[in-house]
Each structure stands twice: as C-alpha cells, then as structure tokens.
Amino acid sequence: MHRYYLNLINTVDILTLEFESAVKPGKSDPTQ
C-alpha cells in the first residue's frame, strides 16, 4: 500500500511538471 502511495505521488508530480511546462513553455524550452 505504501508503494502504491509513493507511485501515486510520483505520477502527480510528473503531471504537475508537464502541466507547468505546457502553461509556461519558456520555462522548460530554452529555445523560445
């Protein structure tokens, strides 16, 4: 159960990073 909880946190973290990079492209993409 604990492993599932950590996996869920990692998934949310990744989704948050992707969402932030989608909202602010200049932050993750230095070419823009």
PDB file of N, CA and C in Angstrom:
ATOM      1  N   MET A   1       0.846  -1.207   0.000  1.00  0.00           N
ATOM      2  CA  MET A   1       0.000   0.000   0.000  1.00  0.00           C
ATOM      3  C   MET A   1       0.884   1.261   0.000  1.00  0.00           C
ATOM      4  N   HIS A   2       1.967   1.188   0.769  1.00  0.00           N
ATOM      5  CA  HIS A   2       2.865   2.337   0.838  1.00  0.00           C
ATOM      6  C   HIS A   2       3.523   2.585  -0.519  1.00  0.00           C
ATOM      7  N   ARG A   3       3.854   1.498  -1.204  1.00  0.00           N
ATOM      8  CA  ARG A   3       4.493   1.628  -2.517  1.00  0.00           C
ATOM      9  C   ARG A   3       3.519   2.255  -3.515  1.00  0.00           C
ATOM     10  N   TYR A   4       2.256   1.888  -3.414  1.00  0.00           N
ATOM     11  CA  TYR A   4       1.238   2.459  -4.297  1.00  0.00           C
ATOM     12  C   TYR A   4       1.088   3.956  -4.023  1.00  0.00           C
ATOM     13  N   TYR A   5       1.197   4.325  -2.754  1.00  0.00           N
ATOM     14  CA  TYR A   5       1.065   5.732  -2.373  1.00  0.00           C
ATOM     15  C   TYR A   5       2.214   6.554  -2.949  1.00  0.00           C
ATOM     16  N   LEU A   6       3.431   6.017  -2.859  1.00  0.00           N
ATOM     17  CA  LEU A   6       4.589   6.713  -3.417  1.00  0.00           C
ATOM     18  C   LEU A   6       4.473   6.816  -4.930  1.00  0.00           C
ATOM     19  N   ASN A   7       3.972   5.753  -5.565  1.00  0.00           N
ATOM     20  CA  ASN A   7       3.809   5.758  -7.014  1.00  0.00           C
ATOM     21  C   ASN A   7       2.794   6.815  -7.428  1.00  0.00           C
ATOM     22  N   LEU A   8       1.745   6.967  -6.641  1.00  0.00           N
ATOM     23  CA  LEU A   8       0.716   7.965  -6.930  1.00  0.00           C
ATOM     24  C   LEU A   8       1.301   9.373  -6.818  1.00  0.00           C
ATOM     25  N   ILE A   9       2.137   9.588  -5.799  1.00  0.00           N
ATOM     26  CA  ILE A   9       2.782  10.891  -5.620  1.00  0.00           C
ATOM     27  C   ILE A   9       3.685  11.203  -6.809  1.00  0.00           C
ATOM     28  N   ASN A  10       4.441  10.204  -7.270  1.00  0.00           N
ATOM     29  CA  ASN A  10       5.326  10.408  -8.418  1.00  0.00           C
ATOM     30  C   ASN A  10       4.529  10.763  -9.661  1.00  0.00           C
ATOM     31  N   THR A  11       3.398  10.097  -9.852  1.00  0.00           N
ATOM     32  CA  THR A  11       2.563  10.360 -11.027  1.00  0.00           C
ATOM     33  C   THR A  11       2.021  11.785 -10.987  1.00  0.00           C
ATOM     34  N   VAL A  12       1.559  12.206  -9.835  1.00  0.00           N
ATOM     35  CA  VAL A  12       1.029  13.568  -9.690  1.00  0.00           C
ATOM     36  C   VAL A  12       2.140  14.589  -9.924  1.00  0.00           C
ATOM     37  N   ASP A  13       3.353  14.265  -9.432  1.00  0.00           N
ATOM     38  CA  ASP A  13       4.481  15.167  -9.602  1.00  0.00           C
ATOM     39  C   ASP A  13       4.815  15.342 -11.078  1.00  0.00           C
ATOM     40  N   ILE A  14       4.827  14.241 -11.815  1.00  0.00           N
ATOM     41  CA  ILE A  14       5.129  14.281 -13.249  1.00  0.00           C
ATOM     42  C   ILE A  14       4.051  15.059 -13.998  1.00  0.00           C
ATOM     43  N   LEU A  15       2.788  14.809 -13.639  1.00  0.00           N
ATOM     44  CA  LEU A  15       1.691  15.516 -14.303  1.00  0.00           C
ATOM     45  C   LEU A  15       1.762  17.014 -14.017  1.00  0.00           C
ATOM     46  N   THR A  16       2.168  17.362 -12.810  1.00  0.00           N
ATOM     47  CA  THR A  16       2.289  18.773 -12.451  1.00  0.00           C
ATOM     48  C   THR A  16       3.384  19.444 -13.263  1.00  0.00           C
ATOM     49  N   LEU A  17       4.519  18.745 -13.421  1.00  0.00           N
ATOM     50  CA  LEU A  17       5.623  19.294 -14.202  1.00  0.00           C
ATOM     51  C   LEU A  17       5.217  19.473 -15.656  1.00  0.00           C
ATOM     52  N   GLU A  18       4.517  18.490 -16.201  1.00  0.00           N
ATOM     53  CA  GLU A  18       4.088  18.582 -17.599  1.00  0.00           C
ATOM     54  C   GLU A  18       3.067  19.701 -17.771  1.00  0.00           C
ATOM     55  N   PHE A  19       2.205  19.873 -16.778  1.00  0.00           N
ATOM     56  CA  PHE A  19       1.204  20.937 -16.852  1.00  0.00           C
ATOM     57  C   PHE A  19       1.874  22.308 -16.805  1.00  0.00           C
ATOM     58  N   GLU A  20       2.865  22.456 -15.922  1.00  0.00           N
ATOM     59  CA  GLU A  20       3.579  23.727 -15.809  1.00  0.00           C
ATOM     60  C   GLU A  20       4.340  24.034 -17.088  1.00  0.00           C
ATOM     61  N   SER A  21       4.953  23.009 -17.681  1.00  0.00           N
ATOM     62  CA  SER A  21       5.718  23.224 -18.914  1.00  0.00           C
ATOM     63  C   SER A  21       4.776  23.547 -20.071  1.00  0.00           C
ATOM     64  N   ALA A  22       3.543  23.040 -19.996  1.00  0.00           N
ATOM     65  CA  ALA A  22       2.567  23.322 -21.053  1.00  0.00           C
ATOM     66  C   ALA A  22       2.038  24.751 -20.917  1.00  0.00           C
ATOM     67  N   VAL A  23       1.881  25.195 -19.679  1.00  0.00           N
ATOM     68  CA  VAL A  23       1.379  26.549 -19.440  1.00  0.00           C
ATOM     69  C   VAL A  23       2.481  27.575 -19.694  1.00  0.00           C
ATOM     70  N   LYS A  24       3.714  27.248 -19.251  1.00  0.00           N
ATOM     71  CA  LYS A  24       4.848  28.156 -19.457  1.00  0.00           C
ATOM     72  C   LYS A  24       5.908  27.454 -20.295  1.00  0.00           C
ATOM     73  N   PRO A  25       5.813  27.530 -21.619  1.00  0.00           N
ATOM     74  CA  PRO A  25       6.748  26.817 -22.492  1.00  0.00           C
ATOM     75  C   PRO A  25       8.176  27.343 -22.364  1.00  0.00           C
ATOM     76  N   GLY A  26       8.341  28.618 -22.076  1.00  0.00           N
ATOM     77  CA  GLY A  26       9.678  29.198 -21.989  1.00  0.00           C
ATOM     78  C   GLY A  26      10.473  28.663 -20.815  1.00  0.00           C
ATOM     79  N   LYS A  27       9.771  28.088 -19.832  1.00  0.00           N
ATOM     80  CA  LYS A  27      10.458  27.610 -18.640  1.00  0.00           C
ATOM     81  C   LYS A  27      11.196  26.305 -18.915  1.00  0.00           C
ATOM     82  N   SER A  28      10.602  25.431 -19.731  1.00  0.00           N
ATOM     83  CA  SER A  28      11.216  24.131 -19.977  1.00  0.00           C
ATOM     84  C   SER A  28      11.922  24.100 -21.326  1.00  0.00           C
ATOM     85  N   ASP A  29      11.555  25.031 -22.218  1.00  0.00           N
ATOM     86  CA  ASP A  29      12.158  25.054 -23.552  1.00  0.00           C
ATOM     87  C   ASP A  29      12.984  26.331 -23.721  1.00  0.00           C
ATOM     88  N   PRO A  30      14.291  26.230 -23.636  1.00  0.00           N
ATOM     89  CA  PRO A  30      15.165  27.419 -23.692  1.00  0.00           C
ATOM     90  C   PRO A  30      15.237  28.042 -25.084  1.00  0.00           C
ATOM     91  N   THR A  31      14.760  27.333 -26.114  1.00  0.00           N
ATOM     92  CA  THR A  31      14.841  27.841 -27.481  1.00  0.00           C
ATOM     93  C   THR A  31      13.808  28.935 -27.718  1.00  0.00           C
ATOM     94  N   GLN A  32      12.775  28.984 -26.910  1.00  0.00           N
ATOM     95  CA  GLN A  32      11.741  30.018 -27.074  1.00  0.00           C
ATOM     96  C   GLN A  32      12.055  31.228 -26.205  1.00  0.00           C
TER      97      GLN A  32
END
